[in-house]
Amino acid sequence: MVANHCLIKFACIEGNSLIKSLFIFMNRKFITTMLALCLVFVCHAQEHKIEHNFNLGVGVASLAENNVHYSLRIGYGLNYYLAENWSIMPGVSYRTVFDDPSKGDIDGIGSDDCSFIDVPVLLQYHQHARGEKGFVAELGPVFSFLTSNSTYYVDADPQDELNDKKMYKSFDFGIQPGVYYQTGKHWRFGVQAHIGFCNMLKKYPKVNDSKRFNDVAATVNFSF
């Protein structure tokens, strides 16, 4: 009876030792596998270079009825090189469109300033090797989300039903073309445009116009 008890105890101890050894082995294998994956990722990142881009653009925006507005854009893009001359760059930017501050209200209606968060996905062609001088062209879709709206104000009739109603819809879709000249390793200077496809005016009984947001901006880009 005592011998059987000792034998069972010994078997339990040996079983625990075996499980512990197997656990340690699996941990080592897991760590080795993760290190190998990290090494593959680093090598892959070196082969397909990732580039950070910060850009600032100032220009004019053409709206309905030939009204000229100003535009200001500041953004960030993460550029992923698919090949030596091709890359894809998703990004995010803040874009605002505003009247000339020196002008008063147009036709008795309040200012139609607004701003957006843009999410472009751009395909870029690089004429030059990385870090060298040359032209860069880009084109891709852009998804725009309204962050600041305007409201109607008809000063000729304070009781007008349009007063205090929001002007614009909350979402726009368009394309974003651009062309730049890269002066060296970090700086690009060029022109970037936004072409909106959607009629952004909300529907009201007295509103029969359409308005699409388009702008062209002189742009500077810093990349690293």
C-alpha atoms as a PDB file:
ATOM      1  CA  MET A   1       0.000   0.000   0.000  1.00  0.00           C
ATOM      2  CA  VAL A   2       2.819   2.412   0.941  1.00  0.00           C
ATOM      3  CA  ALA A   3       4.757   1.378  -2.162  1.00  0.00           C
ATOM      4  CA  ASN A   4       1.762   2.124  -4.396  1.00  0.00           C
ATOM      5  CA  HIS A   5       1.327   5.560  -2.789  1.00  0.00           C
ATOM      6  CA  CYS A   6       5.011   6.408  -3.327  1.00  0.00           C
ATOM      7  CA  LEU A   7       4.767   5.229  -6.933  1.00  0.00           C
ATOM      8  CA  ILE A   8       1.746   7.468  -7.596  1.00  0.00           C
ATOM      9  CA  LYS A   9       3.479  10.441  -5.944  1.00  0.00           C
ATOM     10  CA  PHE A  10       6.613   9.855  -8.028  1.00  0.00           C
ATOM     11  CA  ALA A  11       4.512   9.675 -11.205  1.00  0.00           C
ATOM     12  CA  CYS A  12       2.800  12.978 -10.361  1.00  0.00           C
ATOM     13  CA  ILE A  13       6.148  14.681  -9.734  1.00  0.00           C
ATOM     14  CA  GLU A  14       7.544  13.352 -13.008  1.00  0.00           C
ATOM     15  CA  GLY A  15       4.372  14.443 -14.849  1.00  0.00           C
ATOM     16  CA  ASN A  16       4.614  17.970 -13.445  1.00  0.00           C
ATOM     17  CA  SER A  17       8.293  18.171 -14.389  1.00  0.00           C
ATOM     18  CA  LEU A  18       7.467  17.037 -17.917  1.00  0.00           C
ATOM     19  CA  ILE A  19       4.689  19.629 -18.261  1.00  0.00           C
ATOM     20  CA  LYS A  20       6.998  22.363 -16.922  1.00  0.00           C
ATOM     21  CA  SER A  21       9.767  21.385 -19.349  1.00  0.00           C
ATOM     22  CA  LEU A  22       7.276  21.338 -22.231  1.00  0.00           C
ATOM     23  CA  PHE A  23       5.961  24.770 -21.190  1.00  0.00           C
ATOM     24  CA  ILE A  24       9.487  26.237 -21.105  1.00  0.00           C
ATOM     25  CA  PHE A  25      10.227  24.695 -24.506  1.00  0.00           C
ATOM     26  CA  MET A  26       7.051  26.161 -26.002  1.00  0.00           C
ATOM     27  CA  ASN A  27       7.827  29.585 -24.542  1.00  0.00           C
ATOM     28  CA  ARG A  28      11.297  29.502 -26.089  1.00  0.00           C
ATOM     29  CA  LYS A  29       9.822  28.410 -29.406  1.00  0.00           C
ATOM     30  CA  PHE A  30       7.223  31.188 -29.246  1.00  0.00           C
ATOM     31  CA  ILE A  31       9.864  33.836 -28.494  1.00  0.00           C
ATOM     32  CA  THR A  32      12.083  32.516 -31.290  1.00  0.00           C
ATOM     33  CA  THR A  33       9.142  32.594 -33.717  1.00  0.00           C
ATOM     34  CA  MET A  34       8.217  36.173 -32.732  1.00  0.00           C
ATOM     35  CA  LEU A  35      11.831  37.327 -33.156  1.00  0.00           C
ATOM     36  CA  ALA A  36      11.924  35.708 -36.572  1.00  0.00           C
ATOM     37  CA  LEU A  37       8.681  37.469 -37.545  1.00  0.00           C
ATOM     38  CA  CYS A  38      10.054  40.814 -36.351  1.00  0.00           C
ATOM     39  CA  LEU A  39      13.188  40.271 -38.419  1.00  0.00           C
ATOM     40  CA  VAL A  40      11.074  39.473 -41.489  1.00  0.00           C
ATOM     41  CA  PHE A  41       8.997  42.619 -40.877  1.00  0.00           C
ATOM     42  CA  VAL A  42      12.101  44.815 -40.585  1.00  0.00           C
ATOM     43  CA  CYS A  43      13.558  43.358 -43.777  1.00  0.00           C
ATOM     44  CA  HIS A  44      10.209  43.824 -45.525  1.00  0.00           C
ATOM     45  CA  ALA A  45       9.997  47.437 -44.347  1.00  0.00           C
ATOM     46  CA  GLN A  46      13.488  48.097 -45.691  1.00  0.00           C
ATOM     47  CA  GLU A  47      12.599  46.505 -49.021  1.00  0.00           C
ATOM     48  CA  HIS A  48       9.311  48.478 -49.301  1.00  0.00           C
ATOM     49  CA  LYS A  49      10.195  51.810 -47.769  1.00  0.00           C
ATOM     50  CA  ILE A  50       7.662  53.601 -45.577  1.00  0.00           C
ATOM     51  CA  GLU A  51       7.758  57.400 -45.735  1.00  0.00           C
ATOM     52  CA  HIS A  52       6.073  60.008 -43.507  1.00  0.00           C
ATOM     53  CA  ASN A  53       4.699  63.136 -45.193  1.00  0.00           C
ATOM     54  CA  PHE A  54       3.476  66.435 -43.754  1.00  0.00           C
ATOM     55  CA  ASN A  55       1.920  68.995 -46.093  1.00  0.00           C
ATOM     56  CA  LEU A  56       0.511  72.509 -46.039  1.00  0.00           C
ATOM     57  CA  GLY A  57      -1.520  74.075 -48.853  1.00  0.00           C
ATOM     58  CA  VAL A  58      -3.049  77.505 -49.433  1.00  0.00           C
ATOM     59  CA  GLY A  59      -5.163  78.395 -52.454  1.00  0.00           C
ATOM     60  CA  VAL A  60      -8.545  79.339 -53.880  1.00  0.00           C
ATOM     61  CA  ALA A  61     -11.822  77.414 -53.974  1.00  0.00           C
ATOM     62  CA  SER A  62     -14.344  77.851 -56.779  1.00  0.00           C
ATOM     63  CA  LEU A  63     -17.963  77.586 -55.667  1.00  0.00           C
ATOM     64  CA  ALA A  64     -21.298  78.144 -57.382  1.00  0.00           C
ATOM     65  CA  GLU A  65     -22.046  81.414 -59.167  1.00  0.00           C
ATOM     66  CA  ASN A  66     -18.341  82.162 -59.653  1.00  0.00           C
ATOM     67  CA  ASN A  67     -17.802  83.094 -56.011  1.00  0.00           C
ATOM     68  CA  VAL A  68     -14.109  82.848 -55.179  1.00  0.00           C
ATOM     69  CA  HIS A  69     -13.218  81.571 -51.723  1.00  0.00           C
ATOM     70  CA  TYR A  70      -9.899  80.776 -50.105  1.00  0.00           C
ATOM     71  CA  SER A  71      -8.823  77.330 -48.983  1.00  0.00           C
ATOM     72  CA  LEU A  72      -6.342  76.129 -46.385  1.00  0.00           C
ATOM     73  CA  ARG A  73      -5.225  72.509 -45.940  1.00  0.00           C
ATOM     74  CA  ILE A  74      -2.848  70.838 -43.498  1.00  0.00           C
ATOM     75  CA  GLY A  75      -2.341  67.088 -43.483  1.00  0.00           C
ATOM     76  CA  TYR A  76      -0.340  63.914 -42.975  1.00  0.00           C
ATOM     77  CA  GLY A  77       0.246  60.943 -45.280  1.00  0.00           C
ATOM     78  CA  LEU A  78       1.909  57.555 -44.791  1.00  0.00           C
ATOM     79  CA  ASN A  79       3.606  56.650 -48.068  1.00  0.00           C
ATOM     80  CA  TYR A  80       4.207  52.961 -48.834  1.00  0.00           C
ATOM     81  CA  TYR A  81       6.495  52.205 -51.788  1.00  0.00           C
ATOM     82  CA  LEU A  82       5.173  49.408 -53.996  1.00  0.00           C
ATOM     83  CA  ALA A  83       8.167  49.680 -56.344  1.00  0.00           C
ATOM     84  CA  GLU A  84      11.015  52.065 -57.138  1.00  0.00           C
ATOM     85  CA  ASN A  85       8.733  54.571 -58.885  1.00  0.00           C
ATOM     86  CA  TRP A  86       5.298  53.773 -57.462  1.00  0.00           C
ATOM     87  CA  SER A  87       3.792  54.282 -54.023  1.00  0.00           C
ATOM     88  CA  ILE A  88       0.409  54.426 -52.336  1.00  0.00           C
ATOM     89  CA  MET A  89      -0.282  57.037 -49.670  1.00  0.00           C
ATOM     90  CA  PRO A  90      -3.345  56.991 -47.402  1.00  0.00           C
ATOM     91  CA  GLY A  91      -3.631  60.057 -45.230  1.00  0.00           C
ATOM     92  CA  VAL A  92      -5.744  62.503 -43.279  1.00  0.00           C
ATOM     93  CA  SER A  93      -5.997  66.283 -43.520  1.00  0.00           C
ATOM     94  CA  TYR A  94      -7.954  69.254 -42.247  1.00  0.00           C
ATOM     95  CA  ARG A  95      -9.348  71.512 -44.999  1.00  0.00           C
ATOM     96  CA  THR A  96     -11.224  74.743 -44.559  1.00  0.00           C
ATOM     97  CA  VAL A  97     -12.957  76.945 -47.144  1.00  0.00           C
ATOM     98  CA  PHE A  98     -13.753  80.557 -46.296  1.00  0.00           C
ATOM     99  CA  ASP A  99     -14.845  83.890 -47.754  1.00  0.00           C
ATOM    100  CA  ASP A 100     -12.617  86.893 -48.192  1.00  0.00           C
ATOM    101  CA  PRO A 101     -12.758  88.408 -44.673  1.00  0.00           C
ATOM    102  CA  SER A 102     -12.830  91.912 -46.161  1.00  0.00           C
ATOM    103  CA  LYS A 103     -16.108  91.250 -48.005  1.00  0.00           C
ATOM    104  CA  GLY A 104     -19.526  91.522 -46.445  1.00  0.00           C
ATOM    105  CA  ASP A 105     -22.403  89.075 -46.750  1.00  0.00           C
ATOM    106  CA  ILE A 106     -23.385  88.191 -50.316  1.00  0.00           C
ATOM    107  CA  ASP A 107     -26.980  88.802 -51.399  1.00  0.00           C
ATOM    108  CA  GLY A 108     -28.061  89.275 -47.823  1.00  0.00           C
ATOM    109  CA  ILE A 109     -27.124  85.738 -46.869  1.00  0.00           C
ATOM    110  CA  GLY A 110     -24.597  84.932 -44.166  1.00  0.00           C
ATOM    111  CA  SER A 111     -21.123  83.545 -44.679  1.00  0.00           C
ATOM    112  CA  ASP A 112     -20.866  80.055 -46.210  1.00  0.00           C
ATOM    113  CA  ASP A 113     -17.551  79.048 -44.622  1.00  0.00           C
ATOM    114  CA  CYS A 114     -17.046  75.386 -43.760  1.00  0.00           C
ATOM    115  CA  SER A 115     -14.352  72.820 -42.969  1.00  0.00           C
ATOM    116  CA  PHE A 116     -13.720  69.122 -43.551  1.00  0.00           C
ATOM    117  CA  ILE A 117     -11.648  66.184 -42.438  1.00  0.00           C
ATOM    118  CA  ASP A 118     -10.361  64.610 -45.661  1.00  0.00           C
ATOM    119  CA  VAL A 119      -9.226  60.976 -45.981  1.00  0.00           C
ATOM    120  CA  PRO A 120      -7.414  60.594 -49.326  1.00  0.00           C
ATOM    121  CA  VAL A 121      -5.916  57.377 -50.736  1.00  0.00           C
ATOM    122  CA  LEU A 122      -3.392  58.473 -53.352  1.00  0.00           C
ATOM    123  CA  LEU A 123      -1.387  56.572 -55.949  1.00  0.00           C
ATOM    124  CA  GLN A 124       1.909  58.359 -56.630  1.00  0.00           C
ATOM    125  CA  TYR A 125       4.362  58.107 -59.507  1.00  0.00           C
ATOM    126  CA  HIS A 126       7.961  59.171 -58.784  1.00  0.00           C
ATOM    127  CA  GLN A 127       9.989  60.149 -61.834  1.00  0.00           C
ATOM    128  CA  HIS A 128      13.218  59.934 -59.860  1.00  0.00           C
ATOM    129  CA  ALA A 129      14.942  57.525 -57.495  1.00  0.00           C
ATOM    130  CA  ARG A 130      14.263  58.009 -53.785  1.00  0.00           C
ATOM    131  CA  GLY A 131      15.868  61.101 -52.320  1.00  0.00           C
ATOM    132  CA  GLU A 132      16.760  62.567 -55.728  1.00  0.00           C
ATOM    133  CA  LYS A 133      15.420  65.567 -57.608  1.00  0.00           C
ATOM    134  CA  GLY A 134      12.477  65.093 -59.942  1.00  0.00           C
ATOM    135  CA  PHE A 135       8.706  65.261 -60.417  1.00  0.00           C
ATOM    136  CA  VAL A 136       6.015  63.452 -58.419  1.00  0.00           C
ATOM    137  CA  ALA A 137       2.430  63.047 -59.677  1.00  0.00           C
ATOM    138  CA  GLU A 138      -0.491  61.765 -57.595  1.00  0.00           C
ATOM    139  CA  LEU A 139      -4.155  60.918 -58.018  1.00  0.00           C
ATOM    140  CA  GLY A 140      -6.746  59.121 -55.927  1.00  0.00           C
ATOM    141  CA  PRO A 141     -10.152  59.227 -54.241  1.00  0.00           C
ATOM    142  CA  VAL A 142     -10.818  61.404 -51.222  1.00  0.00           C
ATOM    143  CA  PHE A 143     -13.566  60.942 -48.614  1.00  0.00           C
ATOM    144  CA  SER A 144     -14.570  64.180 -46.876  1.00  0.00           C
ATOM    145  CA  PHE A 145     -16.440  64.555 -43.581  1.00  0.00           C
ATOM    146  CA  LEU A 146     -17.912  67.921 -42.665  1.00  0.00           C
ATOM    147  CA  THR A 147     -16.641  69.256 -39.329  1.00  0.00           C
ATOM    148  CA  SER A 148     -17.963  72.808 -39.399  1.00  0.00           C
ATOM    149  CA  ASN A 149     -21.143  73.947 -41.123  1.00  0.00           C
ATOM    150  CA  SER A 150     -22.710  77.286 -41.987  1.00  0.00           C
ATOM    151  CA  THR A 151     -26.271  78.420 -41.442  1.00  0.00           C
ATOM    152  CA  TYR A 152     -28.493  80.614 -43.566  1.00  0.00           C
ATOM    153  CA  TYR A 153     -29.270  84.159 -42.482  1.00  0.00           C
ATOM    154  CA  VAL A 154     -31.491  86.349 -44.661  1.00  0.00           C
ATOM    155  CA  ASP A 155     -31.116  89.789 -43.146  1.00  0.00           C
ATOM    156  CA  ALA A 156     -33.883  91.210 -45.367  1.00  0.00           C
ATOM    157  CA  ASP A 157     -36.392  88.960 -43.612  1.00  0.00           C
ATOM    158  CA  PRO A 158     -35.561  87.886 -40.041  1.00  0.00           C
ATOM    159  CA  GLN A 159     -38.615  85.588 -40.137  1.00  0.00           C
ATOM    160  CA  ASP A 160     -37.483  83.749 -43.277  1.00  0.00           C
ATOM    161  CA  GLU A 161     -37.801  79.963 -42.849  1.00  0.00           C
ATOM    162  CA  LEU A 162     -34.206  79.478 -44.059  1.00  0.00           C
ATOM    163  CA  ASN A 163     -32.740  81.388 -41.131  1.00  0.00           C
ATOM    164  CA  ASP A 164     -30.540  79.248 -38.865  1.00  0.00           C
ATOM    165  CA  LYS A 165     -30.863  76.178 -41.114  1.00  0.00           C
ATOM    166  CA  LYS A 166     -27.621  74.356 -41.940  1.00  0.00           C
ATOM    167  CA  MET A 167     -26.330  74.763 -45.476  1.00  0.00           C
ATOM    168  CA  TYR A 168     -24.274  71.671 -46.182  1.00  0.00           C
ATOM    169  CA  LYS A 169     -24.522  67.894 -46.143  1.00  0.00           C
ATOM    170  CA  SER A 170     -22.188  65.942 -43.891  1.00  0.00           C
ATOM    171  CA  PHE A 171     -20.275  63.891 -46.508  1.00  0.00           C
ATOM    172  CA  ASP A 172     -18.535  64.554 -49.819  1.00  0.00           C
ATOM    173  CA  PHE A 173     -16.644  62.316 -52.245  1.00  0.00           C
ATOM    174  CA  GLY A 174     -14.155  63.400 -54.883  1.00  0.00           C
ATOM    175  CA  ILE A 175     -10.647  63.041 -56.272  1.00  0.00           C
ATOM    176  CA  GLN A 176      -7.379  64.704 -55.315  1.00  0.00           C
ATOM    177  CA  PRO A 177      -4.829  65.226 -58.103  1.00  0.00           C
ATOM    178  CA  GLY A 178      -1.439  66.810 -57.518  1.00  0.00           C
ATOM    179  CA  VAL A 179       1.977  67.392 -59.050  1.00  0.00           C
ATOM    180  CA  TYR A 180       5.188  68.322 -57.223  1.00  0.00           C
ATOM    181  CA  TYR A 181       8.858  68.877 -57.788  1.00  0.00           C
ATOM    182  CA  GLN A 182      11.134  67.179 -55.257  1.00  0.00           C
ATOM    183  CA  THR A 183      14.187  69.341 -54.528  1.00  0.00           C
ATOM    184  CA  GLY A 184      16.111  66.725 -52.560  1.00  0.00           C
ATOM    185  CA  LYS A 185      15.681  64.201 -49.813  1.00  0.00           C
ATOM    186  CA  HIS A 186      12.920  65.916 -47.810  1.00  0.00           C
ATOM    187  CA  TRP A 187      11.149  68.767 -49.619  1.00  0.00           C
ATOM    188  CA  ARG A 188       8.530  68.841 -52.390  1.00  0.00           C
ATOM    189  CA  PHE A 189       6.819  71.944 -53.792  1.00  0.00           C
ATOM    190  CA  GLY A 190       3.832  71.871 -56.109  1.00  0.00           C
ATOM    191  CA  VAL A 191       0.101  72.178 -56.695  1.00  0.00           C
ATOM    192  CA  GLN A 192      -2.648  70.038 -55.207  1.00  0.00           C
ATOM    193  CA  ALA A 193      -6.343  70.134 -56.102  1.00  0.00           C
ATOM    194  CA  HIS A 194      -9.597  68.897 -54.633  1.00  0.00           C
ATOM    195  CA  ILE A 195     -12.510  68.089 -56.965  1.00  0.00           C
ATOM    196  CA  GLY A 196     -15.766  67.291 -55.183  1.00  0.00           C
ATOM    197  CA  PHE A 197     -18.433  65.247 -56.980  1.00  0.00           C
ATOM    198  CA  CYS A 198     -21.393  65.739 -54.637  1.00  0.00           C
ATOM    199  CA  ASN A 199     -23.911  68.564 -54.489  1.00  0.00           C
ATOM    200  CA  MET A 200     -23.298  69.661 -50.916  1.00  0.00           C
ATOM    201  CA  LEU A 201     -26.331  71.921 -50.423  1.00  0.00           C
ATOM    202  CA  LYS A 202     -29.071  70.529 -48.219  1.00  0.00           C
ATOM    203  CA  LYS A 203     -32.513  70.399 -49.812  1.00  0.00           C
ATOM    204  CA  TYR A 204     -34.997  73.061 -48.713  1.00  0.00           C
ATOM    205  CA  PRO A 205     -38.123  74.406 -50.470  1.00  0.00           C
ATOM    206  CA  LYS A 206     -36.409  77.712 -51.362  1.00  0.00           C
ATOM    207  CA  VAL A 207     -33.016  76.217 -52.302  1.00  0.00           C
ATOM    208  CA  ASN A 208     -32.738  75.097 -55.919  1.00  0.00           C
ATOM    209  CA  ASP A 209     -29.011  75.726 -56.420  1.00  0.00           C
ATOM    210  CA  SER A 210     -26.170  73.234 -56.339  1.00  0.00           C
ATOM    211  CA  LYS A 211     -22.714  73.667 -54.870  1.00  0.00           C
ATOM    212  CA  ARG A 212     -19.644  71.455 -55.324  1.00  0.00           C
ATOM    213  CA  PHE A 213     -16.394  72.122 -53.538  1.00  0.00           C
ATOM    214  CA  ASN A 214     -13.324  72.454 -55.740  1.00  0.00           C
ATOM    215  CA  ASP A 215     -10.029  74.089 -54.905  1.00  0.00           C
ATOM    216  CA  VAL A 216      -6.450  74.456 -56.158  1.00  0.00           C
ATOM    217  CA  ALA A 217      -3.691  75.083 -53.631  1.00  0.00           C
ATOM    218  CA  ALA A 218       0.028  75.796 -53.722  1.00  0.00           C
ATOM    219  CA  THR A 219       1.461  73.045 -51.510  1.00  0.00           C
ATOM    220  CA  VAL A 220       4.684  72.357 -49.646  1.00  0.00           C
ATOM    221  CA  ASN A 221       5.456  68.820 -48.456  1.00  0.00           C
ATOM    222  CA  PHE A 222       8.084  67.608 -45.992  1.00  0.00           C
ATOM    223  CA  SER A 223       8.889  63.878 -46.005  1.00  0.00           C
ATOM    224  CA  PHE A 224      11.231  61.607 -44.098  1.00  0.00           C
END
